[in-house]
Amino acid sequence: MALITGGADAAELAAAVGKAAEGSLQRAGDDGALRQGFWLLTQLPLAAREADFGEALLALGLDTTGQPSLIEIGAALMAAVDRGIACDPKATDFSEMAATAAVESLVSVAGRDAGGLFGTTYAADDARTALHDLAKPARFAVLARDFFARVTREYLAYYLSRVLPDHVGGAQRFPSLKDHHVFERALEIHCRETSEIVEENAASWFSKTNYEGGITPAKAGEFARRAFAKVRTELQARAEAAAHA
């Protein structure tokens, strides 16, 4: 709260929240929904390359039609992760954030590749083609970065949303809602920049791991844990660099 009233920027606040919630952030790296959601993101592009796409999705636990649209695939992804959350006694609010981030990343990145959210993106053939392209290591890396950026953004917002509204209006830190939205956008950009380190590693990991025996839930989970740890470290490093600039 002192940082907010003192005019701290998004990087400083992100680092402060991360430091204050360090123990929780460490546990989040082992969250079941984070691991499952990321694993499914690795598998959906590969499923799109199978002869029978519908059967490949069913094998992943995604109940869809034989030629599903991107929105239908996203809904099935959410349902699959939600089932895992329901069976996990260690699930937390972070688990729900991870599930939502997985779906949003899939629809956003694949939809962007297919030509636009309200255009042909929803057609079954376009959805499969877009997912097929995400099996290219460089394209998968973009998807991975988007996922961890969204997870980080939602995690930080989970804490900040409890106090930021109290500083909007009048002579407060954010004189208007527009100022508040500008700050939220800055936080989002900061999280995306921080997650660049994930993109740098995801392409080679995806290609190598898939070639060397395939991407199992355990392998994907370990990458997710390490990736989230790297993002935590990057949040702190960027804040320290800014403070000494």
Protein backbone atom coordinates (compact mmCIF):
# COMPACT_ATOMS: atom_id res chain seq x y z
CA MET A 1 0.00 0.00 0.00
CA ALA A 2 2.89 2.34 0.71
CA LEU A 3 4.27 1.69 -2.75
CA ILE A 4 0.89 2.40 -4.33
CA THR A 5 0.43 5.72 -2.56
CA GLY A 6 4.07 6.57 -3.21
CA GLY A 7 3.65 6.28 -6.98
CA ALA A 8 5.52 3.01 -7.59
CA ASP A 9 5.34 1.72 -11.15
CA ALA A 10 4.06 -1.67 -12.32
CA ALA A 11 7.48 -3.33 -12.13
CA GLU A 12 8.04 -2.28 -8.51
CA LEU A 13 4.57 -3.37 -7.42
CA ALA A 14 4.85 -6.69 -9.25
CA ALA A 15 8.14 -7.42 -7.51
CA ALA A 16 6.76 -6.37 -4.11
CA VAL A 17 3.76 -8.67 -4.46
CA GLY A 18 6.01 -11.48 -5.61
CA LYS A 19 8.32 -11.02 -2.66
CA ALA A 20 5.48 -10.82 -0.15
CA ALA A 21 3.89 -13.96 -1.56
CA GLU A 22 7.16 -15.82 -2.18
CA GLY A 23 6.09 -18.95 -0.31
CA SER A 24 2.80 -19.09 -2.18
CA LEU A 25 4.54 -18.48 -5.50
CA GLN A 26 6.90 -21.38 -4.87
CA ARG A 27 4.00 -23.71 -4.16
CA ALA A 28 2.18 -22.44 -7.24
CA GLY A 29 4.89 -23.92 -9.43
CA ASP A 30 3.73 -27.39 -8.36
CA ASP A 31 0.03 -26.64 -8.73
CA GLY A 32 -1.84 -29.50 -10.38
CA ALA A 33 -3.92 -27.30 -12.67
CA LEU A 34 -0.85 -25.38 -13.83
CA ARG A 35 0.88 -28.63 -14.71
CA GLN A 36 -2.15 -30.24 -16.33
CA GLY A 37 -3.12 -27.11 -18.24
CA PHE A 38 0.37 -26.72 -19.64
CA TRP A 39 0.59 -30.40 -20.57
CA LEU A 40 -2.67 -30.17 -22.50
CA LEU A 41 -1.34 -27.11 -24.32
CA THR A 42 1.61 -29.21 -25.45
CA GLN A 43 -0.66 -32.03 -26.61
CA LEU A 44 -3.38 -30.16 -28.51
CA PRO A 45 -1.06 -29.06 -31.35
CA LEU A 46 0.21 -32.62 -31.68
CA ALA A 47 -3.35 -33.99 -31.66
CA ALA A 48 -4.18 -31.71 -34.59
CA ARG A 49 -1.58 -33.59 -36.61
CA GLU A 50 -3.20 -36.98 -36.03
CA ALA A 51 -5.30 -38.58 -38.76
CA ASP A 52 -8.37 -38.63 -36.50
CA PHE A 53 -8.39 -35.33 -34.63
CA GLY A 54 -11.58 -36.11 -32.69
CA GLU A 55 -10.21 -39.41 -31.38
CA ALA A 56 -6.93 -37.75 -30.43
CA LEU A 57 -8.84 -35.18 -28.39
CA LEU A 58 -10.87 -37.89 -26.65
CA ALA A 59 -7.63 -39.67 -25.76
CA LEU A 60 -6.57 -36.47 -23.97
CA GLY A 61 -9.82 -36.41 -21.99
CA LEU A 62 -11.39 -33.66 -24.11
CA ASP A 63 -14.95 -34.56 -25.01
CA THR A 64 -15.74 -32.78 -28.29
CA THR A 65 -17.41 -33.44 -31.61
CA GLY A 66 -15.39 -35.06 -34.37
CA GLN A 67 -14.60 -31.69 -35.96
CA PRO A 68 -14.69 -29.18 -33.12
CA SER A 69 -14.39 -25.41 -33.37
CA LEU A 70 -11.75 -23.57 -31.38
CA ILE A 71 -14.32 -22.42 -28.85
CA GLU A 72 -15.52 -26.00 -28.36
CA ILE A 73 -11.95 -27.16 -27.84
CA GLY A 74 -11.41 -24.38 -25.31
CA ALA A 75 -14.54 -25.36 -23.40
CA ALA A 76 -13.44 -29.01 -23.35
CA LEU A 77 -10.00 -27.95 -22.11
CA MET A 78 -11.56 -26.00 -19.26
CA ALA A 79 -13.80 -28.94 -18.34
CA ALA A 80 -10.84 -31.33 -18.29
CA VAL A 81 -8.73 -29.13 -16.01
CA ASP A 82 -11.74 -28.40 -13.81
CA ARG A 83 -12.22 -32.14 -13.30
CA GLY A 84 -8.63 -32.35 -12.14
CA ILE A 85 -9.16 -29.44 -9.76
CA ALA A 86 -12.26 -31.08 -8.29
CA CYS A 87 -10.23 -34.19 -7.46
CA ASP A 88 -7.25 -32.30 -6.04
CA PRO A 89 -7.44 -31.60 -2.29
CA LYS A 90 -4.54 -29.14 -2.68
CA ALA A 91 -6.29 -27.02 -5.31
CA THR A 92 -6.45 -23.29 -4.59
CA ASP A 93 -7.67 -20.11 -6.24
CA PHE A 94 -4.45 -20.23 -8.23
CA SER A 95 -5.62 -23.50 -9.76
CA GLU A 96 -8.64 -21.75 -11.24
CA MET A 97 -6.40 -18.95 -12.55
CA ALA A 98 -4.17 -21.50 -14.27
CA ALA A 99 -7.15 -23.25 -15.86
CA THR A 100 -8.55 -19.98 -17.18
CA ALA A 101 -5.14 -18.88 -18.46
CA ALA A 102 -4.71 -22.14 -20.40
CA VAL A 103 -8.02 -21.67 -22.22
CA GLU A 104 -7.48 -17.97 -22.87
CA SER A 105 -4.00 -18.58 -24.25
CA LEU A 106 -5.18 -21.36 -26.54
CA VAL A 107 -8.06 -19.33 -27.96
CA SER A 108 -6.03 -16.13 -28.21
CA VAL A 109 -2.89 -17.51 -29.87
CA ALA A 110 -4.59 -20.09 -32.10
CA GLY A 111 -7.33 -17.61 -32.94
CA ARG A 112 -4.75 -15.02 -33.93
CA ASP A 113 -3.12 -17.54 -36.25
CA ALA A 114 -6.47 -18.42 -37.81
CA GLY A 115 -7.16 -14.85 -38.80
CA GLY A 116 -9.20 -13.16 -36.09
CA LEU A 117 -11.42 -13.85 -33.15
CA PHE A 118 -14.70 -13.15 -34.91
CA GLY A 119 -13.82 -14.37 -38.38
CA THR A 120 -13.12 -17.89 -39.54
CA THR A 121 -11.46 -18.77 -36.24
CA TYR A 122 -14.51 -20.63 -35.04
CA ALA A 123 -14.70 -22.95 -38.06
CA ALA A 124 -13.54 -26.51 -37.40
CA ASP A 125 -11.05 -26.65 -40.29
CA ASP A 126 -9.50 -23.32 -39.29
CA ALA A 127 -9.23 -24.41 -35.66
CA ARG A 128 -7.40 -27.60 -36.57
CA THR A 129 -5.08 -25.78 -38.97
CA ALA A 130 -4.23 -23.17 -36.34
CA LEU A 131 -3.50 -25.83 -33.72
CA HIS A 132 -1.50 -27.82 -36.27
CA ASP A 133 0.77 -24.80 -36.75
CA LEU A 134 1.30 -24.48 -33.00
CA ALA A 135 3.20 -27.78 -33.13
CA LYS A 136 6.03 -25.86 -34.76
CA PRO A 137 8.54 -25.22 -31.95
CA ALA A 138 8.71 -21.46 -32.53
CA ARG A 139 4.92 -21.16 -32.55
CA PHE A 140 4.56 -23.34 -29.46
CA ALA A 141 7.04 -21.07 -27.69
CA VAL A 142 4.70 -18.13 -28.30
CA LEU A 143 1.83 -20.13 -26.80
CA ALA A 144 3.92 -21.07 -23.76
CA ARG A 145 4.96 -17.47 -23.16
CA ASP A 146 1.38 -16.27 -23.45
CA PHE A 147 0.24 -18.88 -20.91
CA PHE A 148 2.82 -17.98 -18.27
CA ALA A 149 2.32 -14.27 -18.84
CA ARG A 150 -1.41 -14.67 -18.21
CA VAL A 151 -0.87 -16.84 -15.14
CA THR A 152 1.57 -14.30 -13.69
CA ARG A 153 -0.74 -11.39 -14.47
CA GLU A 154 -3.72 -13.07 -12.82
CA TYR A 155 -1.69 -14.07 -9.79
CA LEU A 156 -0.43 -10.55 -9.18
CA ALA A 157 -3.86 -9.06 -9.83
CA TYR A 158 -5.35 -11.46 -7.28
CA TYR A 159 -3.51 -9.56 -4.56
CA LEU A 160 -3.47 -6.08 -6.06
CA SER A 161 -7.21 -6.07 -6.78
CA ARG A 162 -7.84 -6.10 -3.04
CA VAL A 163 -6.22 -2.70 -2.55
CA LEU A 164 -6.07 -0.84 -5.88
CA PRO A 165 -9.79 0.11 -5.94
CA ASP A 166 -9.26 1.97 -2.66
CA HIS A 167 -6.83 4.28 -4.44
CA VAL A 168 -9.07 5.42 -7.30
CA GLY A 169 -10.71 8.84 -7.46
CA GLY A 170 -10.13 12.37 -6.21
CA ALA A 171 -6.64 12.96 -4.90
CA GLN A 172 -5.83 9.24 -4.82
CA ARG A 173 -3.01 7.53 -6.72
CA PHE A 174 -5.37 6.96 -9.66
CA PRO A 175 -7.53 10.10 -10.10
CA SER A 176 -9.81 8.34 -12.59
CA LEU A 177 -10.75 4.88 -13.81
CA LYS A 178 -8.78 5.61 -16.95
CA ASP A 179 -5.63 6.06 -14.86
CA HIS A 180 -6.40 2.78 -13.12
CA HIS A 181 -6.81 1.00 -16.45
CA VAL A 182 -3.54 2.49 -17.72
CA PHE A 183 -1.76 1.00 -14.71
CA GLU A 184 -3.41 -2.39 -15.24
CA ARG A 185 -2.29 -2.34 -18.85
CA ALA A 186 1.24 -1.50 -17.75
CA LEU A 187 1.15 -4.47 -15.38
CA GLU A 188 0.00 -6.75 -18.19
CA ILE A 189 2.80 -5.55 -20.48
CA HIS A 190 5.30 -6.03 -17.68
CA CYS A 191 4.18 -9.64 -17.17
CA ARG A 192 4.49 -10.32 -20.90
CA GLU A 193 7.98 -8.86 -20.98
CA THR A 194 8.95 -10.86 -17.90
CA SER A 195 7.73 -14.07 -19.54
CA GLU A 196 10.05 -13.64 -22.53
CA ILE A 197 12.47 -15.96 -20.77
CA VAL A 198 9.91 -18.77 -21.14
CA GLU A 199 9.68 -18.28 -24.90
CA GLU A 200 13.47 -18.42 -25.16
CA ASN A 201 13.50 -21.93 -23.69
CA ALA A 202 10.18 -23.41 -24.76
CA ALA A 203 10.93 -23.97 -28.46
CA SER A 204 14.02 -26.15 -27.95
CA TRP A 205 12.41 -27.96 -25.01
CA PHE A 206 9.27 -28.78 -27.00
CA SER A 207 11.19 -30.08 -29.99
CA LYS A 208 13.76 -32.09 -28.03
CA THR A 209 11.32 -33.57 -25.50
CA ASN A 210 8.80 -34.57 -28.14
CA TYR A 211 11.56 -36.26 -30.14
CA GLU A 212 13.06 -38.04 -27.13
CA GLY A 213 10.15 -40.23 -26.07
CA GLY A 214 7.33 -37.71 -26.12
CA ILE A 215 6.01 -35.06 -23.75
CA THR A 216 4.54 -36.81 -20.72
CA PRO A 217 2.52 -35.08 -17.98
CA ALA A 218 5.54 -35.41 -15.69
CA LYS A 219 7.92 -33.80 -18.20
CA ALA A 220 5.47 -30.99 -18.93
CA GLY A 221 4.89 -30.47 -15.22
CA GLU A 222 8.60 -30.15 -14.55
CA PHE A 223 8.98 -27.60 -17.33
CA ALA A 224 6.03 -25.63 -15.93
CA ARG A 225 7.56 -25.62 -12.45
CA ARG A 226 10.92 -24.40 -13.74
CA ALA A 227 9.33 -21.85 -16.07
CA PHE A 228 7.28 -20.31 -13.28
CA ALA A 229 10.38 -20.17 -11.08
CA LYS A 230 12.24 -18.32 -13.85
CA VAL A 231 9.40 -15.82 -14.15
CA ARG A 232 9.49 -15.20 -10.38
CA THR A 233 13.22 -14.58 -10.55
CA GLU A 234 12.82 -12.29 -13.55
CA LEU A 235 10.19 -10.21 -11.74
CA GLN A 236 12.65 -9.50 -8.95
CA ALA A 237 15.61 -8.91 -11.29
CA ARG A 238 13.71 -6.38 -13.42
CA ALA A 239 12.53 -4.47 -10.35
CA GLU A 240 16.04 -4.32 -8.91
CA ALA A 241 17.45 -3.17 -12.25
CA ALA A 242 14.83 -0.42 -12.48
CA ALA A 243 15.56 0.70 -8.92
CA HIS A 244 19.24 1.11 -9.65
CA ALA A 245 18.79 2.70 -13.07
